[in-house]
C-alpha atoms as a PDB file:
ATOM      1  CA  UNK A   1      21.533  10.670   7.560  1.00  0.00           C
ATOM      2  CA  UNK A   2      17.743   9.388   7.468  1.00  0.00           C
ATOM      3  CA  UNK A   3      18.003   9.260  11.257  1.00  0.00           C
ATOM      4  CA  UNK A   4      18.208  13.511  11.505  1.00  0.00           C
ATOM      5  CA  UNK A   5      15.491  14.114   9.168  1.00  0.00           C
ATOM      6  CA  UNK A   6      12.074  15.292  10.918  1.00  0.00           C
ATOM      7  CA  UNK A   7       9.095  13.540  10.663  1.00  0.00           C
ATOM      8  CA  UNK A   8       5.506  14.502  11.894  1.00  0.00           C
ATOM      9  CA  UNK A   9       3.422  12.191  13.731  1.00  0.00           C
ATOM     10  CA  UNK A  10      -0.318  12.859  13.212  1.00  0.00           C
ATOM     11  CA  UNK A  11      -3.409  12.306  15.458  1.00  0.00           C
ATOM     12  CA  UNK A  12      -1.360  10.504  17.789  1.00  0.00           C
ATOM     13  CA  UNK A  13      -2.662   9.869  21.203  1.00  0.00           C
ATOM     14  CA  UNK A  14      -1.266  11.974  24.217  1.00  0.00           C
ATOM     15  CA  UNK A  15       0.648   9.654  25.860  1.00  0.00           C
ATOM     16  CA  UNK A  16       1.768   7.738  22.595  1.00  0.00           C
ATOM     17  CA  UNK A  17       5.421   6.268  22.316  1.00  0.00           C
ATOM     18  CA  UNK A  18       6.054   8.842  19.478  1.00  0.00           C
ATOM     19  CA  UNK A  19       6.757  11.672  22.013  1.00  0.00           C
ATOM     20  CA  UNK A  20       9.967   9.617  23.255  1.00  0.00           C
ATOM     21  CA  UNK A  21      11.075   9.042  19.551  1.00  0.00           C
ATOM     22  CA  UNK A  22      13.882  11.735  18.462  1.00  0.00           C
ATOM     23  CA  UNK A  23      13.192  13.941  15.622  1.00  0.00           C
ATOM     24  CA  UNK A  24       9.381  13.149  15.668  1.00  0.00           C
ATOM     25  CA  UNK A  25       7.182  16.153  15.843  1.00  0.00           C
ATOM     26  CA  UNK A  26       4.044  14.987  17.414  1.00  0.00           C
ATOM     27  CA  UNK A  27       0.428  16.370  16.785  1.00  0.00           C
ATOM     28  CA  UNK A  28      -2.264  15.009  19.471  1.00  0.00           C
ATOM     29  CA  UNK A  29      -5.132  16.809  20.949  1.00  0.00           C
ATOM     30  CA  UNK A  30      -3.292  19.333  22.503  1.00  0.00           C
ATOM     31  CA  UNK A  31      -1.341  20.227  19.395  1.00  0.00           C
ATOM     32  CA  UNK A  32      -4.055  20.232  16.747  1.00  0.00           C
ATOM     33  CA  UNK A  33      -3.349  18.559  13.362  1.00  0.00           C
ATOM     34  CA  UNK A  34      -5.322  21.181  11.740  1.00  0.00           C
ATOM     35  CA  UNK A  35      -2.227  23.534  13.083  1.00  0.00           C
ATOM     36  CA  UNK A  36       0.660  21.233  11.106  1.00  0.00           C
ATOM     37  CA  UNK A  37       2.254  23.357   8.273  1.00  0.00           C
ATOM     38  CA  UNK A  38       3.977  20.476   6.379  1.00  0.00           C
ATOM     39  CA  UNK A  39       7.417  20.577   5.285  1.00  0.00           C
ATOM     40  CA  UNK A  40       8.250  16.918   6.411  1.00  0.00           C
ATOM     41  CA  UNK A  41       7.129  13.591   6.098  1.00  0.00           C
ATOM     42  CA  UNK A  42       4.312  11.996   8.086  1.00  0.00           C
ATOM     43  CA  UNK A  43       3.147   9.318   9.990  1.00  0.00           C
ATOM     44  CA  UNK A  44      -0.651   9.687   9.728  1.00  0.00           C
ATOM     45  CA  UNK A  45      -2.795   7.856  12.314  1.00  0.00           C
ATOM     46  CA  UNK A  46      -6.189   9.336  11.503  1.00  0.00           C
ATOM     47  CA  UNK A  47      -9.018   8.455  14.167  1.00  0.00           C
ATOM     48  CA  UNK A  48     -10.328   5.311  12.786  1.00  0.00           C
ATOM     49  CA  UNK A  49     -13.563   4.593  14.423  1.00  0.00           C
ATOM     50  CA  UNK A  50     -15.878   6.489  12.077  1.00  0.00           C
ATOM     51  CA  UNK A  51     -14.085   4.845   9.285  1.00  0.00           C
ATOM     52  CA  UNK A  52     -13.771   1.357  10.659  1.00  0.00           C
ATOM     53  CA  UNK A  53     -15.478  -1.700   8.605  1.00  0.00           C
ATOM     54  CA  UNK A  54     -15.720  -3.512  12.210  1.00  0.00           C
ATOM     55  CA  UNK A  55     -17.041  -0.856  14.736  1.00  0.00           C
ATOM     56  CA  UNK A  56     -18.287   2.437  12.695  1.00  0.00           C
ATOM     57  CA  UNK A  57     -22.120   1.685  13.338  1.00  0.00           C
ATOM     58  CA  UNK A  58     -21.393   1.879  16.977  1.00  0.00           C
ATOM     59  CA  UNK A  59     -18.823   4.558  16.995  1.00  0.00           C
ATOM     60  CA  UNK A  60     -19.304   8.128  18.739  1.00  0.00           C
ATOM     61  CA  UNK A  61     -16.644  10.262  17.020  1.00  0.00           C
ATOM     62  CA  UNK A  62     -16.133  13.575  18.671  1.00  0.00           C
ATOM     63  CA  UNK A  63     -17.344  16.545  16.472  1.00  0.00           C
ATOM     64  CA  UNK A  64     -14.834  17.056  13.589  1.00  0.00           C
ATOM     65  CA  UNK A  65     -13.250  14.052  14.172  1.00  0.00           C
ATOM     66  CA  UNK A  66     -14.073  11.927  10.906  1.00  0.00           C
ATOM     67  CA  UNK A  67     -12.968  14.979   8.605  1.00  0.00           C
ATOM     68  CA  UNK A  68      -9.419  14.327  10.288  1.00  0.00           C
ATOM     69  CA  UNK A  69      -8.869  11.204   8.180  1.00  0.00           C
ATOM     70  CA  UNK A  70      -9.071  13.086   4.541  1.00  0.00           C
ATOM     71  CA  UNK A  71      -6.947  15.961   6.256  1.00  0.00           C
ATOM     72  CA  UNK A  72      -4.173  13.297   7.013  1.00  0.00           C
ATOM     73  CA  UNK A  73      -4.733  11.715   3.538  1.00  0.00           C
ATOM     74  CA  UNK A  74      -3.940  15.092   1.946  1.00  0.00           C
ATOM     75  CA  UNK A  75      -0.975  15.860   4.231  1.00  0.00           C
ATOM     76  CA  UNK A  76       0.385  12.267   3.210  1.00  0.00           C
ATOM     77  CA  UNK A  77      -0.093  13.324  -0.560  1.00  0.00           C
ATOM     78  CA  UNK A  78       1.553  16.567  -0.084  1.00  0.00           C
ATOM     79  CA  UNK A  79       4.600  15.475   2.242  1.00  0.00           C
ATOM     80  CA  UNK A  80       4.995  11.632   1.431  1.00  0.00           C
ATOM     81  CA  UNK A  81       5.176   9.348   4.402  1.00  0.00           C
ATOM     82  CA  UNK A  82       3.213   6.672   5.526  1.00  0.00           C
ATOM     83  CA  UNK A  83      -0.718   6.152   6.842  1.00  0.00           C
ATOM     84  CA  UNK A  84      -1.780   3.577   9.089  1.00  0.00           C
ATOM     85  CA  UNK A  85      -5.379   2.421   9.376  1.00  0.00           C
ATOM     86  CA  UNK A  86      -7.496  -0.629  10.269  1.00  0.00           C
ATOM     87  CA  UNK A  87      -7.754  -3.206   7.349  1.00  0.00           C
ATOM     88  CA  UNK A  88     -11.055  -2.529   5.455  1.00  0.00           C
ATOM     89  CA  UNK A  89     -11.085   1.121   6.155  1.00  0.00           C
ATOM     90  CA  UNK A  90     -13.931   2.974   4.603  1.00  0.00           C
ATOM     91  CA  UNK A  91     -11.247   5.949   4.740  1.00  0.00           C
ATOM     92  CA  UNK A  92      -9.535   4.237   1.479  1.00  0.00           C
ATOM     93  CA  UNK A  93     -12.510   4.131  -0.933  1.00  0.00           C
ATOM     94  CA  UNK A  94     -13.563   7.611   0.425  1.00  0.00           C
ATOM     95  CA  UNK A  95     -10.397   9.287  -0.462  1.00  0.00           C
ATOM     96  CA  UNK A  96      -9.389   6.892  -3.401  1.00  0.00           C
ATOM     97  CA  UNK A  97      -6.481   5.312  -1.686  1.00  0.00           C
ATOM     98  CA  UNK A  98      -4.940   2.020  -3.453  1.00  0.00           C
ATOM     99  CA  UNK A  99      -5.638  -1.071  -1.750  1.00  0.00           C
ATOM    100  CA  UNK A 100      -3.110  -3.719  -0.555  1.00  0.00           C
ATOM    101  CA  UNK A 101      -2.102  -5.762  -3.368  1.00  0.00           C
ATOM    102  CA  UNK A 102      -2.347  -3.341  -6.115  1.00  0.00           C
ATOM    103  CA  UNK A 103       0.420  -2.654  -8.402  1.00  0.00           C
ATOM    104  CA  UNK A 104       2.913  -0.188  -6.409  1.00  0.00           C
ATOM    105  CA  UNK A 105       3.212   3.316  -7.895  1.00  0.00           C
ATOM    106  CA  UNK A 106       4.057   6.383  -6.210  1.00  0.00           C
ATOM    107  CA  UNK A 107       1.426   5.739  -3.817  1.00  0.00           C
ATOM    108  CA  UNK A 108       0.917   1.791  -2.659  1.00  0.00           C
ATOM    109  CA  UNK A 109      -0.698   0.092   0.358  1.00  0.00           C
ATOM    110  CA  UNK A 110       0.003  -2.966   1.992  1.00  0.00           C
ATOM    111  CA  UNK A 111      -1.549  -5.274   4.678  1.00  0.00           C
ATOM    112  CA  UNK A 112       0.427  -5.845   7.775  1.00  0.00           C
ATOM    113  CA  UNK A 113      -0.396  -7.732  11.432  1.00  0.00           C
ATOM    114  CA  UNK A 114       0.868  -5.426  14.254  1.00  0.00           C
ATOM    115  CA  UNK A 115       2.011  -8.579  16.102  1.00  0.00           C
ATOM    116  CA  UNK A 116       4.922  -8.653  13.583  1.00  0.00           C
ATOM    117  CA  UNK A 117       6.343  -5.774  15.782  1.00  0.00           C
ATOM    118  CA  UNK A 118       5.309  -7.539  18.963  1.00  0.00           C
ATOM    119  CA  UNK A 119       2.369  -5.623  19.702  1.00  0.00           C
ATOM    120  CA  UNK A 120      -1.246  -6.687  20.408  1.00  0.00           C
ATOM    121  CA  UNK A 121      -0.366 -10.269  21.078  1.00  0.00           C
ATOM    122  CA  UNK A 122      -3.873 -11.248  21.771  1.00  0.00           C
ATOM    123  CA  UNK A 123      -5.040 -10.260  18.411  1.00  0.00           C
ATOM    124  CA  UNK A 124      -3.472  -9.983  14.823  1.00  0.00           C
ATOM    125  CA  UNK A 125      -4.905  -6.467  14.436  1.00  0.00           C
ATOM    126  CA  UNK A 126      -4.900  -6.572  10.677  1.00  0.00           C
ATOM    127  CA  UNK A 127      -3.553  -2.986   9.251  1.00  0.00           C
ATOM    128  CA  UNK A 128      -3.185  -1.181   6.140  1.00  0.00           C
ATOM    129  CA  UNK A 129      -0.270   0.966   5.464  1.00  0.00           C
ATOM    130  CA  UNK A 130      -0.304   3.422   2.624  1.00  0.00           C
ATOM    131  CA  UNK A 131       3.088   4.828   1.527  1.00  0.00           C
ATOM    132  CA  UNK A 132       3.524   7.903  -0.639  1.00  0.00           C
ATOM    133  CA  UNK A 133       6.693   8.755  -2.187  1.00  0.00           C
ATOM    134  CA  UNK A 134       8.523   5.614  -0.618  1.00  0.00           C
ATOM    135  CA  UNK A 135       9.799   3.227  -3.151  1.00  0.00           C
ATOM    136  CA  UNK A 136       8.722  -0.085  -2.157  1.00  0.00           C
ATOM    137  CA  UNK A 137      12.097  -1.769  -2.466  1.00  0.00           C
ATOM    138  CA  UNK A 138      13.139   0.641   0.322  1.00  0.00           C
ATOM    139  CA  UNK A 139      10.702  -1.264   2.505  1.00  0.00           C
ATOM    140  CA  UNK A 140      11.250  -4.583   4.625  1.00  0.00           C
ATOM    141  CA  UNK A 141       8.627  -5.778   6.292  1.00  0.00           C
ATOM    142  CA  UNK A 142       9.002  -8.176   9.380  1.00  0.00           C
ATOM    143  CA  UNK A 143       7.271 -11.453   9.427  1.00  0.00           C
ATOM    144  CA  UNK A 144       5.752 -13.690  12.119  1.00  0.00           C
ATOM    145  CA  UNK A 145       3.605 -16.594  11.588  1.00  0.00           C
ATOM    146  CA  UNK A 146       0.581 -16.841  13.466  1.00  0.00           C
ATOM    147  CA  UNK A 147      -2.080 -19.445  14.218  1.00  0.00           C
ATOM    148  CA  UNK A 148      -5.563 -18.668  12.721  1.00  0.00           C
ATOM    149  CA  UNK A 149      -7.682 -17.030  15.194  1.00  0.00           C
ATOM    150  CA  UNK A 150     -11.455 -15.832  15.352  1.00  0.00           C
ATOM    151  CA  UNK A 151     -10.269 -12.274  14.721  1.00  0.00           C
ATOM    152  CA  UNK A 152     -13.439 -10.542  14.903  1.00  0.00           C
ATOM    153  CA  UNK A 153     -14.213 -11.535  18.279  1.00  0.00           C
ATOM    154  CA  UNK A 154     -10.845 -11.071  19.497  1.00  0.00           C
ATOM    155  CA  UNK A 155     -11.332  -7.371  18.301  1.00  0.00           C
ATOM    156  CA  UNK A 156     -14.645  -6.911  19.953  1.00  0.00           C
ATOM    157  CA  UNK A 157     -13.188  -8.022  23.527  1.00  0.00           C
ATOM    158  CA  UNK A 158      -9.834  -5.863  22.837  1.00  0.00           C
ATOM    159  CA  UNK A 159      -9.922  -3.021  25.358  1.00  0.00           C
ATOM    160  CA  UNK A 160     -11.152   0.229  23.217  1.00  0.00           C
ATOM    161  CA  UNK A 161      -7.751   1.908  24.174  1.00  0.00           C
ATOM    162  CA  UNK A 162      -5.656  -0.914  22.863  1.00  0.00           C
ATOM    163  CA  UNK A 163      -7.520  -0.941  19.062  1.00  0.00           C
ATOM    164  CA  UNK A 164      -6.019   2.445  18.485  1.00  0.00           C
ATOM    165  CA  UNK A 165      -2.554   2.188  20.442  1.00  0.00           C
ATOM    166  CA  UNK A 166       0.696   1.380  17.984  1.00  0.00           C
ATOM    167  CA  UNK A 167       3.354  -0.674  19.898  1.00  0.00           C
ATOM    168  CA  UNK A 168       6.824   0.714  20.324  1.00  0.00           C
ATOM    169  CA  UNK A 169       8.556  -1.090  17.743  1.00  0.00           C
ATOM    170  CA  UNK A 170       5.994  -0.644  14.793  1.00  0.00           C
ATOM    171  CA  UNK A 171       6.157   3.036  15.776  1.00  0.00           C
ATOM    172  CA  UNK A 172      10.049   2.723  15.214  1.00  0.00           C
ATOM    173  CA  UNK A 173       9.568   1.353  12.139  1.00  0.00           C
ATOM    174  CA  UNK A 174       7.115   3.620  10.682  1.00  0.00           C
ATOM    175  CA  UNK A 175       9.291   6.677  11.661  1.00  0.00           C
ATOM    176  CA  UNK A 176      12.153   5.122   9.700  1.00  0.00           C
ATOM    177  CA  UNK A 177      10.081   4.249   6.703  1.00  0.00           C
ATOM    178  CA  UNK A 178       8.714   7.892   6.828  1.00  0.00           C
ATOM    179  CA  UNK A 179      12.197   9.299   6.546  1.00  0.00           C
ATOM    180  CA  UNK A 180      12.794   7.531   3.561  1.00  0.00           C
ATOM    181  CA  UNK A 181      10.097   9.664   1.775  1.00  0.00           C
ATOM    182  CA  UNK A 182      11.354  11.955  -1.003  1.00  0.00           C
END
């Protein structure tokens, strides 16, 4: 039953894995997220470079790009689903989002490592996920233990395109999670 529920993937890359997933409506640069009308749970990937704790100081966001963060938070709160952003993103404080580890309520957050889904094997890529309208008990997180590494250095040498990619396994997991939104 959850498999048929339509989900909107907001602010995805033009060649994102989300385009290959069934019952996912993708909003990339061509199909602008500002044209999203709601009516289905979201998986929001607002551009992170302007909000990043690691690279905002050197980021060169396109005009209007930073505003997509609060817009996606608004859609998350209205439609339910999941928002994904780098750990320590400044978007959290700006939009009043809960930090990972806070008591779960209707809106709650958790920190994950994208390597848990097999992606970004050179770095852990710490990521914060915010869930709205999804009961914490309905979410099962994968777990993989890793050796400790110099995360900041690995982030610096990672290809810029890799910093904003979501691996296929994580994308499928996020779609499944969003479909649980009330």
